[in-house]
């Protein structure tokens, strides 16, 4: 198996690919929201830029904000569960919804706001890969409003064989090897072939490679700075004759590094 260096889950590639190929994004969104493609009369990306200051921030969100037939739709991919993910998506929904009201307009003008998460981890204790949450009355389950929708797609719960176009799209995001991509490509589904071709075009582009280089450099610089801080803390603790096990617990440095630091 040949492991992909970058997958459809790579947030930088995800953002660049679907901003550069909005027709692919439109097709994807139609499948995710279960709406006919031909019914989408209004479609636009609200945040096509990748802010340079975000490249060194591991907590940045390279999501895609859209307007789809008057609805606000926010789409993001998430590789790891960093904790409190439902609360995080609810926070993003609240921010999007609360900033959507034009000045001087009444609350009826607030648009339906949808947060869509494609996740490479399991979040809910169910077998279904798609979950949608809305504001409902607790006992009668009647909706309070149609303005709220939080949708989650858990890639690990996909069936082994895709049964529809939505599952094919999600299989692209789940693919981690060249062989998995090629298996989808060989199915001869035109939109999948286009998406894989766009993926290969983006990953080979000088623009993507340069931004990825800058992001990796920022990550290395951050790691080195953090290591220097830990070394400084360890030196101070050694000067105060703190036990080695305590220093290991507080700094995360290895016993070998601390012994060498003490000998120096």
C-alpha atoms as a PDB file:
ATOM      1  CA  UNK A   1       0.000   0.000   0.000  1.00  0.00           C
ATOM      2  CA  UNK A   2       1.274   3.462  -0.921  1.00  0.00           C
ATOM      3  CA  UNK A   3       0.265   5.946   1.773  1.00  0.00           C
ATOM      4  CA  UNK A   4      -0.920   9.329   0.541  1.00  0.00           C
ATOM      5  CA  UNK A   5       1.148  12.263   1.782  1.00  0.00           C
ATOM      6  CA  UNK A   6      -1.947  14.457   1.499  1.00  0.00           C
ATOM      7  CA  UNK A   7      -5.542  13.255   1.569  1.00  0.00           C
ATOM      8  CA  UNK A   8      -8.917  14.903   1.011  1.00  0.00           C
ATOM      9  CA  UNK A   9      -8.936  15.278   4.818  1.00  0.00           C
ATOM     10  CA  UNK A  10      -5.851  17.542   4.726  1.00  0.00           C
ATOM     11  CA  UNK A  11      -7.444  20.867   5.621  1.00  0.00           C
ATOM     12  CA  UNK A  12      -5.155  22.992   3.426  1.00  0.00           C
ATOM     13  CA  UNK A  13      -5.719  20.773   0.380  1.00  0.00           C
ATOM     14  CA  UNK A  14      -9.455  20.598   1.123  1.00  0.00           C
ATOM     15  CA  UNK A  15      -9.715  24.395   1.198  1.00  0.00           C
ATOM     16  CA  UNK A  16      -7.596  25.029  -1.907  1.00  0.00           C
ATOM     17  CA  UNK A  17      -9.209  22.261  -3.964  1.00  0.00           C
ATOM     18  CA  UNK A  18     -12.830  23.210  -3.426  1.00  0.00           C
ATOM     19  CA  UNK A  19     -12.201  26.958  -3.675  1.00  0.00           C
ATOM     20  CA  UNK A  20     -10.405  26.475  -7.003  1.00  0.00           C
ATOM     21  CA  UNK A  21     -13.042  24.015  -8.258  1.00  0.00           C
ATOM     22  CA  UNK A  22     -16.365  25.447  -7.000  1.00  0.00           C
ATOM     23  CA  UNK A  23     -18.402  23.212  -9.325  1.00  0.00           C
ATOM     24  CA  UNK A  24     -17.044  20.194  -7.442  1.00  0.00           C
ATOM     25  CA  UNK A  25     -17.902  21.877  -4.154  1.00  0.00           C
ATOM     26  CA  UNK A  26     -21.430  22.546  -5.373  1.00  0.00           C
ATOM     27  CA  UNK A  27     -21.862  18.868  -6.294  1.00  0.00           C
ATOM     28  CA  UNK A  28     -20.493  17.790  -2.913  1.00  0.00           C
ATOM     29  CA  UNK A  29     -22.766  20.147  -0.984  1.00  0.00           C
ATOM     30  CA  UNK A  30     -25.817  18.945  -2.910  1.00  0.00           C
ATOM     31  CA  UNK A  31     -25.058  15.380  -1.805  1.00  0.00           C
ATOM     32  CA  UNK A  32     -24.274  16.314   1.807  1.00  0.00           C
ATOM     33  CA  UNK A  33     -27.467  18.357   2.196  1.00  0.00           C
ATOM     34  CA  UNK A  34     -29.552  15.879   0.163  1.00  0.00           C
ATOM     35  CA  UNK A  35     -30.866  18.527  -2.232  1.00  0.00           C
ATOM     36  CA  UNK A  36     -31.134  18.233  -6.032  1.00  0.00           C
ATOM     37  CA  UNK A  37     -28.184  19.864  -7.776  1.00  0.00           C
ATOM     38  CA  UNK A  38     -30.512  21.665 -10.190  1.00  0.00           C
ATOM     39  CA  UNK A  39     -32.365  23.241  -7.256  1.00  0.00           C
ATOM     40  CA  UNK A  40     -29.281  25.240  -6.231  1.00  0.00           C
ATOM     41  CA  UNK A  41     -29.885  28.634  -7.805  1.00  0.00           C
ATOM     42  CA  UNK A  42     -27.661  30.675  -5.487  1.00  0.00           C
ATOM     43  CA  UNK A  43     -24.196  29.425  -4.584  1.00  0.00           C
ATOM     44  CA  UNK A  44     -21.143  31.329  -3.429  1.00  0.00           C
ATOM     45  CA  UNK A  45     -18.042  30.922  -1.249  1.00  0.00           C
ATOM     46  CA  UNK A  46     -17.789  33.618   1.428  1.00  0.00           C
ATOM     47  CA  UNK A  47     -14.212  32.976   2.624  1.00  0.00           C
ATOM     48  CA  UNK A  48     -12.050  31.878  -0.329  1.00  0.00           C
ATOM     49  CA  UNK A  49      -8.828  33.284   1.153  1.00  0.00           C
ATOM     50  CA  UNK A  50      -6.271  31.421   3.263  1.00  0.00           C
ATOM     51  CA  UNK A  51      -5.005  34.045   5.762  1.00  0.00           C
ATOM     52  CA  UNK A  52      -1.164  33.939   5.896  1.00  0.00           C
ATOM     53  CA  UNK A  53      -1.246  34.375   9.676  1.00  0.00           C
ATOM     54  CA  UNK A  54      -3.179  31.111  10.003  1.00  0.00           C
ATOM     55  CA  UNK A  55      -0.415  28.960   8.524  1.00  0.00           C
ATOM     56  CA  UNK A  56       1.470  28.630  11.805  1.00  0.00           C
ATOM     57  CA  UNK A  57      -1.614  28.197  13.968  1.00  0.00           C
ATOM     58  CA  UNK A  58      -2.441  24.522  14.493  1.00  0.00           C
ATOM     59  CA  UNK A  59      -5.852  25.516  15.861  1.00  0.00           C
ATOM     60  CA  UNK A  60      -6.903  27.460  12.761  1.00  0.00           C
ATOM     61  CA  UNK A  61      -9.992  26.321  10.865  1.00  0.00           C
ATOM     62  CA  UNK A  62      -9.547  26.064   7.114  1.00  0.00           C
ATOM     63  CA  UNK A  63     -13.285  25.662   6.671  1.00  0.00           C
ATOM     64  CA  UNK A  64     -15.406  26.811   3.727  1.00  0.00           C
ATOM     65  CA  UNK A  65     -18.271  29.245   4.338  1.00  0.00           C
ATOM     66  CA  UNK A  66     -20.964  29.324   1.662  1.00  0.00           C
ATOM     67  CA  UNK A  67     -24.315  30.809   0.802  1.00  0.00           C
ATOM     68  CA  UNK A  68     -26.559  28.130  -0.697  1.00  0.00           C
ATOM     69  CA  UNK A  69     -30.040  29.267  -1.728  1.00  0.00           C
ATOM     70  CA  UNK A  70     -30.047  31.866   1.043  1.00  0.00           C
ATOM     71  CA  UNK A  71     -28.729  29.451   3.683  1.00  0.00           C
ATOM     72  CA  UNK A  72     -25.408  29.842   5.458  1.00  0.00           C
ATOM     73  CA  UNK A  73     -23.448  26.602   5.152  1.00  0.00           C
ATOM     74  CA  UNK A  74     -20.109  25.998   6.853  1.00  0.00           C
ATOM     75  CA  UNK A  75     -18.160  22.893   5.814  1.00  0.00           C
ATOM     76  CA  UNK A  76     -15.024  21.581   7.492  1.00  0.00           C
ATOM     77  CA  UNK A  77     -12.998  18.408   7.813  1.00  0.00           C
ATOM     78  CA  UNK A  78     -11.637  17.214  11.140  1.00  0.00           C
ATOM     79  CA  UNK A  79      -8.964  14.514  11.431  1.00  0.00           C
ATOM     80  CA  UNK A  80      -8.647  14.138  15.211  1.00  0.00           C
ATOM     81  CA  UNK A  81     -11.038  14.532  18.113  1.00  0.00           C
ATOM     82  CA  UNK A  82      -9.517  17.262  20.271  1.00  0.00           C
ATOM     83  CA  UNK A  83     -12.340  17.019  22.799  1.00  0.00           C
ATOM     84  CA  UNK A  84     -15.669  18.800  23.242  1.00  0.00           C
ATOM     85  CA  UNK A  85     -16.352  18.590  19.518  1.00  0.00           C
ATOM     86  CA  UNK A  86     -20.161  18.973  19.739  1.00  0.00           C
ATOM     87  CA  UNK A  87     -19.692  22.117  21.855  1.00  0.00           C
ATOM     88  CA  UNK A  88     -17.167  23.419  19.356  1.00  0.00           C
ATOM     89  CA  UNK A  89     -19.536  23.006  16.420  1.00  0.00           C
ATOM     90  CA  UNK A  90     -22.388  24.550  18.412  1.00  0.00           C
ATOM     91  CA  UNK A  91     -20.149  27.538  19.138  1.00  0.00           C
ATOM     92  CA  UNK A  92     -19.360  27.932  15.438  1.00  0.00           C
ATOM     93  CA  UNK A  93     -23.059  27.695  14.605  1.00  0.00           C
ATOM     94  CA  UNK A  94     -23.900  30.382  17.190  1.00  0.00           C
ATOM     95  CA  UNK A  95     -21.211  32.683  15.811  1.00  0.00           C
ATOM     96  CA  UNK A  96     -22.322  32.236  12.206  1.00  0.00           C
ATOM     97  CA  UNK A  97     -26.009  32.645  13.075  1.00  0.00           C
ATOM     98  CA  UNK A  98     -25.577  35.643  15.370  1.00  0.00           C
ATOM     99  CA  UNK A  99     -23.529  37.593  12.810  1.00  0.00           C
ATOM    100  CA  UNK A 100     -25.883  36.922   9.892  1.00  0.00           C
ATOM    101  CA  UNK A 101     -28.511  39.569  10.628  1.00  0.00           C
ATOM    102  CA  UNK A 102     -28.128  42.615   8.358  1.00  0.00           C
ATOM    103  CA  UNK A 103     -28.158  45.966  10.126  1.00  0.00           C
ATOM    104  CA  UNK A 104     -31.672  47.331  10.564  1.00  0.00           C
ATOM    105  CA  UNK A 105     -33.379  44.018   9.703  1.00  0.00           C
ATOM    106  CA  UNK A 106     -35.731  42.067  11.959  1.00  0.00           C
ATOM    107  CA  UNK A 107     -35.053  38.554  13.242  1.00  0.00           C
ATOM    108  CA  UNK A 108     -37.151  36.950  10.527  1.00  0.00           C
ATOM    109  CA  UNK A 109     -34.309  37.812   8.139  1.00  0.00           C
ATOM    110  CA  UNK A 110     -31.869  35.469   9.911  1.00  0.00           C
ATOM    111  CA  UNK A 111     -30.880  32.707   7.464  1.00  0.00           C
ATOM    112  CA  UNK A 112     -30.953  28.985   8.122  1.00  0.00           C
ATOM    113  CA  UNK A 113     -27.436  28.180   9.298  1.00  0.00           C
ATOM    114  CA  UNK A 114     -25.915  24.727   8.780  1.00  0.00           C
ATOM    115  CA  UNK A 115     -22.606  23.434  10.145  1.00  0.00           C
ATOM    116  CA  UNK A 116     -21.355  20.329   8.332  1.00  0.00           C
ATOM    117  CA  UNK A 117     -18.455  18.302   9.764  1.00  0.00           C
ATOM    118  CA  UNK A 118     -16.700  15.480   7.913  1.00  0.00           C
ATOM    119  CA  UNK A 119     -14.808  13.578  10.612  1.00  0.00           C
ATOM    120  CA  UNK A 120     -12.140  10.880  10.557  1.00  0.00           C
ATOM    121  CA  UNK A 121     -13.168   9.636  14.001  1.00  0.00           C
ATOM    122  CA  UNK A 122     -16.258   8.258  15.722  1.00  0.00           C
ATOM    123  CA  UNK A 123     -18.233  10.717  17.801  1.00  0.00           C
ATOM    124  CA  UNK A 124     -21.614   9.117  18.510  1.00  0.00           C
ATOM    125  CA  UNK A 125     -22.581   5.677  19.786  1.00  0.00           C
ATOM    126  CA  UNK A 126     -24.635   4.759  16.731  1.00  0.00           C
ATOM    127  CA  UNK A 127     -23.998   2.746  13.583  1.00  0.00           C
ATOM    128  CA  UNK A 128     -25.200   5.417  11.130  1.00  0.00           C
ATOM    129  CA  UNK A 129     -22.458   7.535   9.565  1.00  0.00           C
ATOM    130  CA  UNK A 130     -24.692  10.621   9.261  1.00  0.00           C
ATOM    131  CA  UNK A 131     -26.281  12.443  12.206  1.00  0.00           C
ATOM    132  CA  UNK A 132     -28.228  15.710  12.098  1.00  0.00           C
ATOM    133  CA  UNK A 133     -29.205  17.738  15.163  1.00  0.00           C
ATOM    134  CA  UNK A 134     -31.788  20.512  15.371  1.00  0.00           C
ATOM    135  CA  UNK A 135     -33.518  22.437  18.158  1.00  0.00           C
ATOM    136  CA  UNK A 136     -36.450  20.216  19.227  1.00  0.00           C
ATOM    137  CA  UNK A 137     -38.959  20.228  22.100  1.00  0.00           C
ATOM    138  CA  UNK A 138     -37.839  17.549  24.552  1.00  0.00           C
ATOM    139  CA  UNK A 139     -40.991  15.420  24.903  1.00  0.00           C
ATOM    140  CA  UNK A 140     -42.944  16.137  21.692  1.00  0.00           C
ATOM    141  CA  UNK A 141     -39.865  16.384  19.440  1.00  0.00           C
ATOM    142  CA  UNK A 142     -41.438  19.293  17.557  1.00  0.00           C
ATOM    143  CA  UNK A 143     -38.919  21.697  16.018  1.00  0.00           C
ATOM    144  CA  UNK A 144     -38.430  25.098  17.621  1.00  0.00           C
ATOM    145  CA  UNK A 145     -37.131  26.542  14.343  1.00  0.00           C
ATOM    146  CA  UNK A 146     -35.702  25.347  11.054  1.00  0.00           C
ATOM    147  CA  UNK A 147     -32.834  27.857  11.311  1.00  0.00           C
ATOM    148  CA  UNK A 148     -30.474  25.439  13.109  1.00  0.00           C
ATOM    149  CA  UNK A 149     -28.768  22.341  11.720  1.00  0.00           C
ATOM    150  CA  UNK A 150     -25.607  20.580  12.916  1.00  0.00           C
ATOM    151  CA  UNK A 151     -24.619  17.705  10.633  1.00  0.00           C
ATOM    152  CA  UNK A 152     -21.875  15.158  11.218  1.00  0.00           C
ATOM    153  CA  UNK A 153     -20.455  12.576   8.813  1.00  0.00           C
ATOM    154  CA  UNK A 154     -18.326   9.907  10.535  1.00  0.00           C
ATOM    155  CA  UNK A 155     -16.001   8.370   7.942  1.00  0.00           C
ATOM    156  CA  UNK A 156     -15.126   5.298  10.003  1.00  0.00           C
ATOM    157  CA  UNK A 157     -18.757   4.155   9.876  1.00  0.00           C
ATOM    158  CA  UNK A 158     -19.005   4.085   6.079  1.00  0.00           C
ATOM    159  CA  UNK A 159     -20.016   0.725   4.541  1.00  0.00           C
ATOM    160  CA  UNK A 160     -17.283  -1.237   2.790  1.00  0.00           C
ATOM    161  CA  UNK A 161     -18.950  -0.649  -0.574  1.00  0.00           C
ATOM    162  CA  UNK A 162     -20.400   2.727  -1.550  1.00  0.00           C
ATOM    163  CA  UNK A 163     -24.087   2.489  -2.379  1.00  0.00           C
ATOM    164  CA  UNK A 164     -24.698   6.026  -3.654  1.00  0.00           C
ATOM    165  CA  UNK A 165     -22.940   9.217  -4.737  1.00  0.00           C
ATOM    166  CA  UNK A 166     -22.785  10.621  -1.207  1.00  0.00           C
ATOM    167  CA  UNK A 167     -20.938   7.537   0.016  1.00  0.00           C
ATOM    168  CA  UNK A 168     -18.575   7.789  -2.971  1.00  0.00           C
ATOM    169  CA  UNK A 169     -17.730  11.364  -2.000  1.00  0.00           C
ATOM    170  CA  UNK A 170     -17.141  10.315   1.589  1.00  0.00           C
ATOM    171  CA  UNK A 171     -14.983   7.406   0.397  1.00  0.00           C
ATOM    172  CA  UNK A 172     -12.739   9.997  -1.246  1.00  0.00           C
ATOM    173  CA  UNK A 173     -12.330  11.735   2.099  1.00  0.00           C
ATOM    174  CA  UNK A 174     -11.712   8.405   3.845  1.00  0.00           C
ATOM    175  CA  UNK A 175      -9.039   7.284   1.344  1.00  0.00           C
ATOM    176  CA  UNK A 176      -5.533   7.112   2.830  1.00  0.00           C
ATOM    177  CA  UNK A 177      -3.668   5.247   0.064  1.00  0.00           C
ATOM    178  CA  UNK A 178      -3.072   5.526  -3.671  1.00  0.00           C
ATOM    179  CA  UNK A 179      -4.730   2.161  -4.114  1.00  0.00           C
ATOM    180  CA  UNK A 180      -7.948   3.381  -2.485  1.00  0.00           C
ATOM    181  CA  UNK A 181      -8.041   6.429  -4.755  1.00  0.00           C
ATOM    182  CA  UNK A 182      -7.352   4.304  -7.816  1.00  0.00           C
ATOM    183  CA  UNK A 183     -10.132   1.895  -6.846  1.00  0.00           C
ATOM    184  CA  UNK A 184     -12.592   4.802  -6.841  1.00  0.00           C
ATOM    185  CA  UNK A 185     -11.125   6.179 -10.064  1.00  0.00           C
ATOM    186  CA  UNK A 186     -11.571   2.837 -11.856  1.00  0.00           C
ATOM    187  CA  UNK A 187     -15.300   2.856 -11.136  1.00  0.00           C
ATOM    188  CA  UNK A 188     -15.661   5.321 -13.991  1.00  0.00           C
ATOM    189  CA  UNK A 189     -17.961   7.739 -12.161  1.00  0.00           C
ATOM    190  CA  UNK A 190     -17.338  11.031 -13.960  1.00  0.00           C
ATOM    191  CA  UNK A 191     -17.583  13.357 -10.957  1.00  0.00           C
ATOM    192  CA  UNK A 192     -15.224  11.137  -8.928  1.00  0.00           C
ATOM    193  CA  UNK A 193     -12.713  11.109 -11.783  1.00  0.00           C
ATOM    194  CA  UNK A 194     -12.926  14.915 -11.909  1.00  0.00           C
ATOM    195  CA  UNK A 195     -12.415  15.212  -8.156  1.00  0.00           C
ATOM    196  CA  UNK A 196      -9.370  12.923  -8.200  1.00  0.00           C
ATOM    197  CA  UNK A 197      -7.942  14.816 -11.179  1.00  0.00           C
ATOM    198  CA  UNK A 198      -8.420  18.096  -9.314  1.00  0.00           C
ATOM    199  CA  UNK A 199      -6.750  16.566  -6.243  1.00  0.00           C
ATOM    200  CA  UNK A 200      -3.691  15.575  -8.271  1.00  0.00           C
ATOM    201  CA  UNK A 201      -3.551  19.003  -9.914  1.00  0.00           C
ATOM    202  CA  UNK A 202      -3.649  20.831  -6.577  1.00  0.00           C
ATOM    203  CA  UNK A 203      -1.056  18.634  -4.840  1.00  0.00           C
ATOM    204  CA  UNK A 204       1.339  19.090  -7.785  1.00  0.00           C
ATOM    205  CA  UNK A 205       0.893  22.864  -7.931  1.00  0.00           C
ATOM    206  CA  UNK A 206       3.766  25.154  -6.812  1.00  0.00           C
ATOM    207  CA  UNK A 207       1.235  27.236  -4.842  1.00  0.00           C
ATOM    208  CA  UNK A 208       0.147  24.309  -2.678  1.00  0.00           C
ATOM    209  CA  UNK A 209       3.687  23.041  -2.197  1.00  0.00           C
ATOM    210  CA  UNK A 210       4.939  26.468  -1.113  1.00  0.00           C
ATOM    211  CA  UNK A 211       2.098  27.047   1.346  1.00  0.00           C
ATOM    212  CA  UNK A 212       2.582  23.525   2.714  1.00  0.00           C
ATOM    213  CA  UNK A 213       6.322  24.222   3.087  1.00  0.00           C
ATOM    214  CA  UNK A 214       5.612  27.422   5.007  1.00  0.00           C
ATOM    215  CA  UNK A 215       3.097  25.626   7.204  1.00  0.00           C
ATOM    216  CA  UNK A 216       5.534  22.802   7.977  1.00  0.00           C
ATOM    217  CA  UNK A 217       8.259  25.364   8.772  1.00  0.00           C
ATOM    218  CA  UNK A 218       5.911  27.201  11.128  1.00  0.00           C
ATOM    219  CA  UNK A 219       5.079  23.894  12.811  1.00  0.00           C
ATOM    220  CA  UNK A 220       8.770  23.023  13.247  1.00  0.00           C
ATOM    221  CA  UNK A 221       9.517  26.511  14.576  1.00  0.00           C
ATOM    222  CA  UNK A 222       6.678  26.185  17.077  1.00  0.00           C
ATOM    223  CA  UNK A 223       7.912  22.757  18.202  1.00  0.00           C
ATOM    224  CA  UNK A 224      11.460  24.065  18.638  1.00  0.00           C
ATOM    225  CA  UNK A 225      10.251  27.067  20.624  1.00  0.00           C
ATOM    226  CA  UNK A 226       8.205  24.774  22.884  1.00  0.00           C
ATOM    227  CA  UNK A 227      11.224  22.489  23.375  1.00  0.00           C
ATOM    228  CA  UNK A 228      13.370  25.483  24.370  1.00  0.00           C
ATOM    229  CA  UNK A 229      10.768  26.547  26.915  1.00  0.00           C
ATOM    230  CA  UNK A 230      10.701  23.032  28.404  1.00  0.00           C
ATOM    231  CA  UNK A 231      14.489  22.949  28.591  1.00  0.00           C
ATOM    232  CA  UNK A 232      14.482  26.279  30.411  1.00  0.00           C
ATOM    233  CA  UNK A 233      11.899  25.070  32.909  1.00  0.00           C
ATOM    234  CA  UNK A 234      13.891  21.862  33.442  1.00  0.00           C
ATOM    235  CA  UNK A 235      17.101  23.800  34.087  1.00  0.00           C
ATOM    236  CA  UNK A 236      15.392  25.912  36.726  1.00  0.00           C
ATOM    237  CA  UNK A 237      13.907  22.834  38.397  1.00  0.00           C
ATOM    238  CA  UNK A 238      17.288  21.084  38.400  1.00  0.00           C
ATOM    239  CA  UNK A 239      18.869  24.105  40.056  1.00  0.00           C
ATOM    240  CA  UNK A 240      16.255  23.766  42.803  1.00  0.00           C
ATOM    241  CA  UNK A 241      17.120  20.060  43.168  1.00  0.00           C
ATOM    242  CA  UNK A 242      13.649  18.898  42.187  1.00  0.00           C
ATOM    243  CA  UNK A 243      13.301  15.096  41.706  1.00  0.00           C
ATOM    244  CA  UNK A 244      13.886  13.849  38.146  1.00  0.00           C
ATOM    245  CA  UNK A 245      10.500  12.087  38.024  1.00  0.00           C
ATOM    246  CA  UNK A 246       8.756  15.350  38.907  1.00  0.00           C
ATOM    247  CA  UNK A 247      10.627  17.216  36.152  1.00  0.00           C
ATOM    248  CA  UNK A 248       9.716  14.498  33.624  1.00  0.00           C
ATOM    249  CA  UNK A 249       6.059  14.814  34.570  1.00  0.00           C
ATOM    250  CA  UNK A 250       6.080  18.628  34.369  1.00  0.00           C
ATOM    251  CA  UNK A 251       8.090  19.040  31.151  1.00  0.00           C
ATOM    252  CA  UNK A 252       7.590  15.836  29.163  1.00  0.00           C
ATOM    253  CA  UNK A 253      11.358  15.593  28.590  1.00  0.00           C
ATOM    254  CA  UNK A 254      13.017  12.181  28.723  1.00  0.00           C
ATOM    255  CA  UNK A 255      15.174  10.982  31.588  1.00  0.00           C
ATOM    256  CA  UNK A 256      18.171  10.821  29.227  1.00  0.00           C
ATOM    257  CA  UNK A 257      17.775  14.463  28.200  1.00  0.00           C
ATOM    258  CA  UNK A 258      17.441  15.559  31.831  1.00  0.00           C
ATOM    259  CA  UNK A 259      20.488  13.554  32.919  1.00  0.00           C
ATOM    260  CA  UNK A 260      22.547  15.135  30.147  1.00  0.00           C
ATOM    261  CA  UNK A 261      21.229  18.569  31.098  1.00  0.00           C
ATOM    262  CA  UNK A 262      22.172  18.010  34.736  1.00  0.00           C
ATOM    263  CA  UNK A 263      25.677  16.839  33.807  1.00  0.00           C
ATOM    264  CA  UNK A 264      26.195  19.936  31.692  1.00  0.00           C
END
